Amino acid sequence: QALMDGHDSTLEVPDELLQAALKNGF
């Protein structure tokens, strides 16, 4: 759920990269 909300608590993937991936279908 946190990842689908666009945040990685491990900080390995910056929020902007994760959110961009989600917008592109990930």
mmCIF file of all heavy atoms, coordinates in Angstrom:
data_MODEL
# 
_entry.id   MODEL 
# 
loop_
_atom_site.group_PDB 
_atom_site.id 
_atom_site.type_symbol 
_atom_site.label_atom_id 
_atom_site.label_alt_id 
_atom_site.label_comp_id 
_atom_site.label_asym_id 
_atom_site.label_entity_id 
_atom_site.label_seq_id 
_atom_site.pdbx_PDB_ins_code 
_atom_site.Cartn_x 
_atom_site.Cartn_y 
_atom_site.Cartn_z 
_atom_site.occupancy 
_atom_site.B_iso_or_equiv 
_atom_site.pdbx_formal_charge 
_atom_site.auth_seq_id 
_atom_site.auth_comp_id 
_atom_site.auth_asym_id 
_atom_site.auth_atom_id 
_atom_site.pdbx_PDB_model_num 
ATOM 1   N N   . GLN A 1 1  ? 0.825  -1.208 0.000   1.00 0.00 ? 1  GLN A N   1 
ATOM 2   C CA  . GLN A 1 1  ? 0.000  0.000  0.000   1.00 0.00 ? 1  GLN A CA  1 
ATOM 3   C C   . GLN A 1 1  ? 0.859  1.258  0.000   1.00 0.00 ? 1  GLN A C   1 
ATOM 4   O O   . GLN A 1 1  ? 0.576  2.219  -0.726  1.00 0.00 ? 1  GLN A O   1 
ATOM 5   C CB  . GLN A 1 1  ? -0.928 0.003  1.218   1.00 0.00 ? 1  GLN A CB  1 
ATOM 6   C CG  . GLN A 1 1  ? -1.934 1.163  1.232   1.00 0.00 ? 1  GLN A CG  1 
ATOM 7   C CD  . GLN A 1 1  ? -2.816 1.186  0.006   1.00 0.00 ? 1  GLN A CD  1 
ATOM 8   O OE1 . GLN A 1 1  ? -3.500 0.209  -0.295  1.00 0.00 ? 1  GLN A OE1 1 
ATOM 9   N NE2 . GLN A 1 1  ? -2.798 2.293  -0.734  1.00 0.00 ? 1  GLN A NE2 1 
ATOM 10  N N   . ALA A 1 2  ? 1.914  1.248  0.811   1.00 0.00 ? 2  ALA A N   1 
ATOM 11  C CA  . ALA A 1 2  ? 2.811  2.412  0.860   1.00 0.00 ? 2  ALA A CA  1 
ATOM 12  C C   . ALA A 1 2  ? 3.462  2.652  -0.497  1.00 0.00 ? 2  ALA A C   1 
ATOM 13  O O   . ALA A 1 2  ? 3.597  3.802  -0.943  1.00 0.00 ? 2  ALA A O   1 
ATOM 14  C CB  . ALA A 1 2  ? 3.876  2.199  1.937   1.00 0.00 ? 2  ALA A CB  1 
ATOM 15  N N   . LEU A 1 3  ? 3.870  1.571  -1.164  1.00 0.00 ? 3  LEU A N   1 
ATOM 16  C CA  . LEU A 1 3  ? 4.490  1.710  -2.484  1.00 0.00 ? 3  LEU A CA  1 
ATOM 17  C C   . LEU A 1 3  ? 3.490  2.229  -3.503  1.00 0.00 ? 3  LEU A C   1 
ATOM 18  O O   . LEU A 1 3  ? 3.824  3.079  -4.343  1.00 0.00 ? 3  LEU A O   1 
ATOM 19  C CB  . LEU A 1 3  ? 5.070  0.372  -2.943  1.00 0.00 ? 3  LEU A CB  1 
ATOM 20  C CG  . LEU A 1 3  ? 6.250  -0.166 -2.132  1.00 0.00 ? 3  LEU A CG  1 
ATOM 21  C CD1 . LEU A 1 3  ? 6.657  -1.549 -2.626  1.00 0.00 ? 3  LEU A CD1 1 
ATOM 22  C CD2 . LEU A 1 3  ? 7.442  0.785  -2.196  1.00 0.00 ? 3  LEU A CD2 1 
ATOM 23  N N   . MET A 1 4  ? 2.278  1.742  -3.447  1.00 0.00 ? 4  MET A N   1 
ATOM 24  C CA  . MET A 1 4  ? 1.253  2.218  -4.376  1.00 0.00 ? 4  MET A CA  1 
ATOM 25  C C   . MET A 1 4  ? 0.880  3.673  -4.106  1.00 0.00 ? 4  MET A C   1 
ATOM 26  O O   . MET A 1 4  ? 0.387  4.379  -4.998  1.00 0.00 ? 4  MET A O   1 
ATOM 27  C CB  . MET A 1 4  ? 0.008  1.326  -4.302  1.00 0.00 ? 4  MET A CB  1 
ATOM 28  C CG  . MET A 1 4  ? 0.216  -0.062 -4.895  1.00 0.00 ? 4  MET A CG  1 
ATOM 29  S SD  . MET A 1 4  ? 0.695  -0.031 -6.645  1.00 0.00 ? 4  MET A SD  1 
ATOM 30  C CE  . MET A 1 4  ? -0.837 0.545  -7.406  1.00 0.00 ? 4  MET A CE  1 
ATOM 31  N N   . ASP A 1 5  ? 1.136  4.116  -2.872  1.00 0.00 ? 5  ASP A N   1 
ATOM 32  C CA  . ASP A 1 5  ? 0.929  5.527  -2.538  1.00 0.00 ? 5  ASP A CA  1 
ATOM 33  C C   . ASP A 1 5  ? 2.117  6.389  -2.955  1.00 0.00 ? 5  ASP A C   1 
ATOM 34  O O   . ASP A 1 5  ? 2.103  7.608  -2.779  1.00 0.00 ? 5  ASP A O   1 
ATOM 35  C CB  . ASP A 1 5  ? 0.682  5.686  -1.029  1.00 0.00 ? 5  ASP A CB  1 
ATOM 36  C CG  . ASP A 1 5  ? -0.678 5.144  -0.607  1.00 0.00 ? 5  ASP A CG  1 
ATOM 37  O OD1 . ASP A 1 5  ? -1.557 5.019  -1.476  1.00 0.00 ? 5  ASP A OD1 1 
ATOM 38  O OD2 . ASP A 1 5  ? -0.844 4.826  0.586   1.00 0.00 ? 5  ASP A OD2 1 
ATOM 39  N N   . GLY A 1 6  ? 3.181  5.731  -3.446  1.00 0.00 ? 6  GLY A N   1 
ATOM 40  C CA  . GLY A 1 6  ? 4.308  6.467  -3.995  1.00 0.00 ? 6  GLY A CA  1 
ATOM 41  C C   . GLY A 1 6  ? 5.468  6.722  -3.064  1.00 0.00 ? 6  GLY A C   1 
ATOM 42  O O   . GLY A 1 6  ? 6.297  7.592  -3.331  1.00 0.00 ? 6  GLY A O   1 
ATOM 43  N N   . HIS A 1 7  ? 5.570  5.945  -1.971  1.00 0.00 ? 7  HIS A N   1 
ATOM 44  C CA  . HIS A 1 7  ? 6.692  6.152  -1.046  1.00 0.00 ? 7  HIS A CA  1 
ATOM 45  C C   . HIS A 1 7  ? 7.364  4.833  -0.692  1.00 0.00 ? 7  HIS A C   1 
ATOM 46  O O   . HIS A 1 7  ? 6.701  3.845  -0.355  1.00 0.00 ? 7  HIS A O   1 
ATOM 47  C CB  . HIS A 1 7  ? 6.223  6.836  0.235   1.00 0.00 ? 7  HIS A CB  1 
ATOM 48  C CG  . HIS A 1 7  ? 7.317  6.995  1.255   1.00 0.00 ? 7  HIS A CG  1 
ATOM 49  N ND1 . HIS A 1 7  ? 8.430  7.791  1.048   1.00 0.00 ? 7  HIS A ND1 1 
ATOM 50  C CD2 . HIS A 1 7  ? 7.491  6.419  2.483   1.00 0.00 ? 7  HIS A CD2 1 
ATOM 51  C CE1 . HIS A 1 7  ? 9.236  7.715  2.100   1.00 0.00 ? 7  HIS A CE1 1 
ATOM 52  N NE2 . HIS A 1 7  ? 8.688  6.898  2.984   1.00 0.00 ? 7  HIS A NE2 1 
ATOM 53  N N   . ASP A 1 8  ? 8.707  4.825  -0.774  1.00 0.00 ? 8  ASP A N   1 
ATOM 54  C CA  . ASP A 1 8  ? 9.510  3.661  -0.401  1.00 0.00 ? 8  ASP A CA  1 
ATOM 55  C C   . ASP A 1 8  ? 10.200 3.950  0.920   1.00 0.00 ? 8  ASP A C   1 
ATOM 56  O O   . ASP A 1 8  ? 11.110 4.773  0.983   1.00 0.00 ? 8  ASP A O   1 
ATOM 57  C CB  . ASP A 1 8  ? 10.541 3.372  -1.498  1.00 0.00 ? 8  ASP A CB  1 
ATOM 58  C CG  . ASP A 1 8  ? 11.560 2.313  -1.082  1.00 0.00 ? 8  ASP A CG  1 
ATOM 59  O OD1 . ASP A 1 8  ? 11.220 1.480  -0.218  1.00 0.00 ? 8  ASP A OD1 1 
ATOM 60  O OD2 . ASP A 1 8  ? 12.686 2.326  -1.630  1.00 0.00 ? 8  ASP A OD2 1 
ATOM 61  N N   . SER A 1 9  ? 9.809  3.251  1.972   1.00 0.00 ? 9  SER A N   1 
ATOM 62  C CA  . SER A 1 9  ? 10.360 3.501  3.307   1.00 0.00 ? 9  SER A CA  1 
ATOM 63  C C   . SER A 1 9  ? 11.825 3.107  3.421   1.00 0.00 ? 9  SER A C   1 
ATOM 64  O O   . SER A 1 9  ? 12.524 3.572  4.324   1.00 0.00 ? 9  SER A O   1 
ATOM 65  C CB  . SER A 1 9  ? 9.538  2.752  4.369   1.00 0.00 ? 9  SER A CB  1 
ATOM 66  O OG  . SER A 1 9  ? 9.569  1.352  4.136   1.00 0.00 ? 9  SER A OG  1 
ATOM 67  N N   . THR A 1 10 ? 12.316 2.258  2.518   1.00 0.00 ? 10 THR A N   1 
ATOM 68  C CA  . THR A 1 10 ? 13.739 1.895  2.546   1.00 0.00 ? 10 THR A CA  1 
ATOM 69  C C   . THR A 1 10 ? 14.604 3.002  1.958   1.00 0.00 ? 10 THR A C   1 
ATOM 70  O O   . THR A 1 10 ? 15.836 2.977  2.109   1.00 0.00 ? 10 THR A O   1 
ATOM 71  C CB  . THR A 1 10 ? 14.017 0.600  1.756   1.00 0.00 ? 10 THR A CB  1 
ATOM 72  O OG1 . THR A 1 10 ? 13.864 0.839  0.357   1.00 0.00 ? 10 THR A OG1 1 
ATOM 73  C CG2 . THR A 1 10 ? 13.085 -0.524 2.196   1.00 0.00 ? 10 THR A CG2 1 
ATOM 74  N N   . LEU A 1 11 ? 13.984 3.933  1.244   1.00 0.00 ? 11 LEU A N   1 
ATOM 75  C CA  . LEU A 1 11 ? 14.659 5.069  0.600   1.00 0.00 ? 11 LEU A CA  1 
ATOM 76  C C   . LEU A 1 11 ? 15.580 4.649  -0.538  1.00 0.00 ? 11 LEU A C   1 
ATOM 77  O O   . LEU A 1 11 ? 16.384 5.445  -1.020  1.00 0.00 ? 11 LEU A O   1 
ATOM 78  C CB  . LEU A 1 11 ? 15.455 5.900  1.630   1.00 0.00 ? 11 LEU A CB  1 
ATOM 79  C CG  . LEU A 1 11 ? 14.660 6.392  2.855   1.00 0.00 ? 11 LEU A CG  1 
ATOM 80  C CD1 . LEU A 1 11 ? 15.565 7.219  3.764   1.00 0.00 ? 11 LEU A CD1 1 
ATOM 81  C CD2 . LEU A 1 11 ? 13.439 7.198  2.429   1.00 0.00 ? 11 LEU A CD2 1 
ATOM 82  N N   . GLU A 1 12 ? 15.463 3.392  -0.979  1.00 0.00 ? 12 GLU A N   1 
ATOM 83  C CA  . GLU A 1 12 ? 16.292 2.933  -2.102  1.00 0.00 ? 12 GLU A CA  1 
ATOM 84  C C   . GLU A 1 12 ? 15.812 3.517  -3.424  1.00 0.00 ? 12 GLU A C   1 
ATOM 85  O O   . GLU A 1 12 ? 16.610 3.795  -4.321  1.00 0.00 ? 12 GLU A O   1 
ATOM 86  C CB  . GLU A 1 12 ? 16.291 1.402  -2.179  1.00 0.00 ? 12 GLU A CB  1 
ATOM 87  C CG  . GLU A 1 12 ? 17.084 0.726  -1.080  1.00 0.00 ? 12 GLU A CG  1 
ATOM 88  C CD  . GLU A 1 12 ? 18.538 1.149  -1.055  1.00 0.00 ? 12 GLU A CD  1 
ATOM 89  O OE1 . GLU A 1 12 ? 19.226 0.986  -2.072  1.00 0.00 ? 12 GLU A OE1 1 
ATOM 90  O OE2 . GLU A 1 12 ? 18.987 1.663  -0.009  1.00 0.00 ? 12 GLU A OE2 1 
ATOM 91  N N   . VAL A 1 13 ? 14.511 3.676  -3.565  1.00 0.00 ? 13 VAL A N   1 
ATOM 92  C CA  . VAL A 1 13 ? 13.941 4.280  -4.772  1.00 0.00 ? 13 VAL A CA  1 
ATOM 93  C C   . VAL A 1 13 ? 13.337 5.629  -4.389  1.00 0.00 ? 13 VAL A C   1 
ATOM 94  O O   . VAL A 1 13 ? 12.393 5.688  -3.601  1.00 0.00 ? 13 VAL A O   1 
ATOM 95  C CB  . VAL A 1 13 ? 12.854 3.374  -5.395  1.00 0.00 ? 13 VAL A CB  1 
ATOM 96  C CG1 . VAL A 1 13 ? 12.215 4.060  -6.607  1.00 0.00 ? 13 VAL A CG1 1 
ATOM 97  C CG2 . VAL A 1 13 ? 13.447 2.032  -5.798  1.00 0.00 ? 13 VAL A CG2 1 
ATOM 98  N N   . PRO A 1 14 ? 13.881 6.727  -4.919  1.00 0.00 ? 14 PRO A N   1 
ATOM 99  C CA  . PRO A 1 14 ? 13.329 8.049  -4.612  1.00 0.00 ? 14 PRO A CA  1 
ATOM 100 C C   . PRO A 1 14 ? 11.853 8.126  -4.994  1.00 0.00 ? 14 PRO A C   1 
ATOM 101 O O   . PRO A 1 14 ? 11.411 7.495  -5.964  1.00 0.00 ? 14 PRO A O   1 
ATOM 102 C CB  . PRO A 1 14 ? 14.173 8.990  -5.485  1.00 0.00 ? 14 PRO A CB  1 
ATOM 103 C CG  . PRO A 1 14 ? 15.443 8.242  -5.739  1.00 0.00 ? 14 PRO A CG  1 
ATOM 104 C CD  . PRO A 1 14 ? 15.050 6.793  -5.809  1.00 0.00 ? 14 PRO A CD  1 
ATOM 105 N N   . ASP A 1 15 ? 11.090 8.885  -4.219  1.00 0.00 ? 15 ASP A N   1 
ATOM 106 C CA  . ASP A 1 15 ? 9.650  8.974  -4.450  1.00 0.00 ? 15 ASP A CA  1 
ATOM 107 C C   . ASP A 1 15 ? 9.310  9.403  -5.869  1.00 0.00 ? 15 ASP A C   1 
ATOM 108 O O   . ASP A 1 15 ? 8.359  8.898  -6.475  1.00 0.00 ? 15 ASP A O   1 
ATOM 109 C CB  . ASP A 1 15 ? 9.023  9.948  -3.444  1.00 0.00 ? 15 ASP A CB  1 
ATOM 110 C CG  . ASP A 1 15 ? 8.983  9.360  -2.034  1.00 0.00 ? 15 ASP A CG  1 
ATOM 111 O OD1 . ASP A 1 15 ? 9.333  8.177  -1.881  1.00 0.00 ? 15 ASP A OD1 1 
ATOM 112 O OD2 . ASP A 1 15 ? 8.602  10.088 -1.096  1.00 0.00 ? 15 ASP A OD2 1 
ATOM 113 N N   . GLU A 1 16 ? 10.100 10.342 -6.430  1.00 0.00 ? 16 GLU A N   1 
ATOM 114 C CA  . GLU A 1 16 ? 9.780  10.821 -7.774  1.00 0.00 ? 16 GLU A CA  1 
ATOM 115 C C   . GLU A 1 16 ? 9.927  9.721  -8.826  1.00 0.00 ? 16 GLU A C   1 
ATOM 116 O O   . GLU A 1 16 ? 9.127  9.632  -9.772  1.00 0.00 ? 16 GLU A O   1 
ATOM 117 C CB  . GLU A 1 16 ? 10.637 12.035 -8.150  1.00 0.00 ? 16 GLU A CB  1 
ATOM 118 C CG  . GLU A 1 16 ? 12.140 11.813 -8.106  1.00 0.00 ? 16 GLU A CG  1 
ATOM 119 C CD  . GLU A 1 16 ? 12.764 12.136 -6.768  1.00 0.00 ? 16 GLU A CD  1 
ATOM 120 O OE1 . GLU A 1 16 ? 12.027 12.140 -5.745  1.00 0.00 ? 16 GLU A OE1 1 
ATOM 121 O OE2 . GLU A 1 16 ? 13.991 12.391 -6.736  1.00 0.00 ? 16 GLU A OE2 1 
ATOM 122 N N   . LEU A 1 17 ? 10.946 8.836  -8.651  1.00 0.00 ? 17 LEU A N   1 
ATOM 123 C CA  . LEU A 1 17 ? 11.116 7.724  -9.583  1.00 0.00 ? 17 LEU A CA  1 
ATOM 124 C C   . LEU A 1 17 ? 10.000 6.696  -9.429  1.00 0.00 ? 17 LEU A C   1 
ATOM 125 O O   . LEU A 1 17 ? 9.483  6.164  -10.415 1.00 0.00 ? 17 LEU A O   1 
ATOM 126 C CB  . LEU A 1 17 ? 12.472 7.044  -9.369  1.00 0.00 ? 17 LEU A CB  1 
ATOM 127 C CG  . LEU A 1 17 ? 13.717 7.739  -9.919  1.00 0.00 ? 17 LEU A CG  1 
ATOM 128 C CD1 . LEU A 1 17 ? 14.957 6.894  -9.646  1.00 0.00 ? 17 LEU A CD1 1 
ATOM 129 C CD2 . LEU A 1 17 ? 13.587 7.990  -11.411 1.00 0.00 ? 17 LEU A CD2 1 
ATOM 130 N N   . LEU A 1 18 ? 9.644  6.405  -8.189  1.00 0.00 ? 18 LEU A N   1 
ATOM 131 C CA  . LEU A 1 18 ? 8.569  5.441  -7.930  1.00 0.00 ? 18 LEU A CA  1 
ATOM 132 C C   . LEU A 1 18 ? 7.242  5.948  -8.478  1.00 0.00 ? 18 LEU A C   1 
ATOM 133 O O   . LEU A 1 18 ? 6.501  5.207  -9.137  1.00 0.00 ? 18 LEU A O   1 
ATOM 134 C CB  . LEU A 1 18 ? 8.463  5.167  -6.426  1.00 0.00 ? 18 LEU A CB  1 
ATOM 135 C CG  . LEU A 1 18 ? 7.345  4.221  -5.982  1.00 0.00 ? 18 LEU A CG  1 
ATOM 136 C CD1 . LEU A 1 18 ? 7.466  2.865  -6.675  1.00 0.00 ? 18 LEU A CD1 1 
ATOM 137 C CD2 . LEU A 1 18 ? 7.359  4.051  -4.464  1.00 0.00 ? 18 LEU A CD2 1 
ATOM 138 N N   . GLN A 1 19 ? 6.946  7.204  -8.215  1.00 0.00 ? 19 GLN A N   1 
ATOM 139 C CA  . GLN A 1 19 ? 5.684  7.777  -8.692  1.00 0.00 ? 19 GLN A CA  1 
ATOM 140 C C   . GLN A 1 19 ? 5.623  7.832  -10.209 1.00 0.00 ? 19 GLN A C   1 
ATOM 141 O O   . GLN A 1 19 ? 4.574  7.589  -10.811 1.00 0.00 ? 19 GLN A O   1 
ATOM 142 C CB  . GLN A 1 19 ? 5.495  9.159  -8.076  1.00 0.00 ? 19 GLN A CB  1 
ATOM 143 C CG  . GLN A 1 19 ? 5.227  9.107  -6.569  1.00 0.00 ? 19 GLN A CG  1 
ATOM 144 C CD  . GLN A 1 19 ? 5.432  10.426 -5.865  1.00 0.00 ? 19 GLN A CD  1 
ATOM 145 O OE1 . GLN A 1 19 ? 5.525  11.484 -6.499  1.00 0.00 ? 19 GLN A OE1 1 
ATOM 146 N NE2 . GLN A 1 19 ? 5.525  10.388 -4.540  1.00 0.00 ? 19 GLN A NE2 1 
ATOM 147 N N   . ALA A 1 20 ? 6.757  8.117  -10.844 1.00 0.00 ? 20 ALA A N   1 
ATOM 148 C CA  . ALA A 1 20 ? 6.808  8.120  -12.312 1.00 0.00 ? 20 ALA A CA  1 
ATOM 149 C C   . ALA A 1 20 ? 6.559  6.720  -12.856 1.00 0.00 ? 20 ALA A C   1 
ATOM 150 O O   . ALA A 1 20 ? 5.854  6.543  -13.864 1.00 0.00 ? 20 ALA A O   1 
ATOM 151 C CB  . ALA A 1 20 ? 8.162  8.643  -12.787 1.00 0.00 ? 20 ALA A CB  1 
ATOM 152 N N   . ALA A 1 21 ? 7.131  5.706  -12.181 1.00 0.00 ? 21 ALA A N   1 
ATOM 153 C CA  . ALA A 1 21 ? 6.937  4.314  -12.608 1.00 0.00 ? 21 ALA A CA  1 
ATOM 154 C C   . ALA A 1 21 ? 5.470  3.912  -12.490 1.00 0.00 ? 21 ALA A C   1 
ATOM 155 O O   . ALA A 1 21 ? 4.917  3.248  -13.378 1.00 0.00 ? 21 ALA A O   1 
ATOM 156 C CB  . ALA A 1 21 ? 7.811  3.386  -11.777 1.00 0.00 ? 21 ALA A CB  1 
ATOM 157 N N   . LEU A 1 22 ? 4.833  4.314  -11.386 1.00 0.00 ? 22 LEU A N   1 
ATOM 158 C CA  . LEU A 1 22 ? 3.413  3.999  -11.189 1.00 0.00 ? 22 LEU A CA  1 
ATOM 159 C C   . LEU A 1 22 ? 2.552  4.636  -12.266 1.00 0.00 ? 22 LEU A C   1 
ATOM 160 O O   . LEU A 1 22 ? 1.594  4.023  -12.763 1.00 0.00 ? 22 LEU A O   1 
ATOM 161 C CB  . LEU A 1 22 ? 2.964  4.461  -9.796  1.00 0.00 ? 22 LEU A CB  1 
ATOM 162 C CG  . LEU A 1 22 ? 3.577  3.705  -8.604  1.00 0.00 ? 22 LEU A CG  1 
ATOM 163 C CD1 . LEU A 1 22 ? 3.273  4.423  -7.300  1.00 0.00 ? 22 LEU A CD1 1 
ATOM 164 C CD2 . LEU A 1 22 ? 3.073  2.269  -8.550  1.00 0.00 ? 22 LEU A CD2 1 
ATOM 165 N N   . LYS A 1 23 ? 2.881  5.854  -12.645 1.00 0.00 ? 23 LYS A N   1 
ATOM 166 C CA  . LYS A 1 23 ? 2.130  6.542  -13.704 1.00 0.00 ? 23 LYS A CA  1 
ATOM 167 C C   . LYS A 1 23 ? 2.301  5.843  -15.049 1.00 0.00 ? 23 LYS A C   1 
ATOM 168 O O   . LYS A 1 23 ? 1.419  5.881  -15.901 1.00 0.00 ? 23 LYS A O   1 
ATOM 169 C CB  . LYS A 1 23 ? 2.588  7.992  -13.809 1.00 0.00 ? 23 LYS A CB  1 
ATOM 170 C CG  . LYS A 1 23 ? 2.128  8.871  -12.657 1.00 0.00 ? 23 LYS A CG  1 
ATOM 171 C CD  . LYS A 1 23 ? 2.623  10.301 -12.812 1.00 0.00 ? 23 LYS A CD  1 
ATOM 172 C CE  . LYS A 1 23 ? 2.177  11.159 -11.632 1.00 0.00 ? 23 LYS A CE  1 
ATOM 173 N NZ  . LYS A 1 23 ? 2.702  12.557 -11.741 1.00 0.00 ? 23 LYS A NZ  1 
ATOM 174 N N   . ASN A 1 24 ? 3.468  5.187  -15.227 1.00 0.00 ? 24 ASN A N   1 
ATOM 175 C CA  . ASN A 1 24 ? 3.751  4.503  -16.490 1.00 0.00 ? 24 ASN A CA  1 
ATOM 176 C C   . ASN A 1 24 ? 3.271  3.060  -16.517 1.00 0.00 ? 24 ASN A C   1 
ATOM 177 O O   . ASN A 1 24 ? 3.601  2.311  -17.444 1.00 0.00 ? 24 ASN A O   1 
ATOM 178 C CB  . ASN A 1 24 ? 5.251  4.562  -16.785 1.00 0.00 ? 24 ASN A CB  1 
ATOM 179 C CG  . ASN A 1 24 ? 5.716  5.963  -17.127 1.00 0.00 ? 24 ASN A CG  1 
ATOM 180 O OD1 . ASN A 1 24 ? 4.948  6.772  -17.650 1.00 0.00 ? 24 ASN A OD1 1 
ATOM 181 N ND2 . ASN A 1 24 ? 6.977  6.263  -16.830 1.00 0.00 ? 24 ASN A ND2 1 
ATOM 182 N N   . GLY A 1 25 ? 2.545  2.641  -15.474 1.00 0.00 ? 25 GLY A N   1 
ATOM 183 C CA  . GLY A 1 25 ? 1.942  1.316  -15.500 1.00 0.00 ? 25 GLY A CA  1 
ATOM 184 C C   . GLY A 1 25 ? 2.484  0.311  -14.512 1.00 0.00 ? 25 GLY A C   1 
ATOM 185 O O   . GLY A 1 25 ? 1.922  -0.783 -14.354 1.00 0.00 ? 25 GLY A O   1 
ATOM 186 N N   . PHE A 1 26 ? 3.591  0.622  -13.827 1.00 0.00 ? 26 PHE A N   1 
ATOM 187 C CA  . PHE A 1 26 ? 4.113  -0.287 -12.802 1.00 0.00 ? 26 PHE A CA  1 
ATOM 188 C C   . PHE A 1 26 ? 3.126  -0.369 -11.650 1.00 0.00 ? 26 PHE A C   1 
ATOM 189 O O   . PHE A 1 26 ? 2.542  0.646  -11.242 1.00 0.00 ? 26 PHE A O   1 
ATOM 190 C CB  . PHE A 1 26 ? 5.461  0.225  -12.305 1.00 0.00 ? 26 PHE A CB  1 
ATOM 191 C CG  . PHE A 1 26 ? 6.017  -0.543 -11.122 1.00 0.00 ? 26 PHE A CG  1 
ATOM 192 C CD1 . PHE A 1 26 ? 6.275  -1.895 -11.207 1.00 0.00 ? 26 PHE A CD1 1 
ATOM 193 C CD2 . PHE A 1 26 ? 6.281  0.112  -9.922  1.00 0.00 ? 26 PHE A CD2 1 
ATOM 194 C CE1 . PHE A 1 26 ? 6.791  -2.601 -10.130 1.00 0.00 ? 26 PHE A CE1 1 
ATOM 195 C CE2 . PHE A 1 26 ? 6.802  -0.578 -8.831  1.00 0.00 ? 26 PHE A CE2 1 
ATOM 196 C CZ  . PHE A 1 26 ? 7.055  -1.942 -8.944  1.00 0.00 ? 26 PHE A CZ  1 
# 
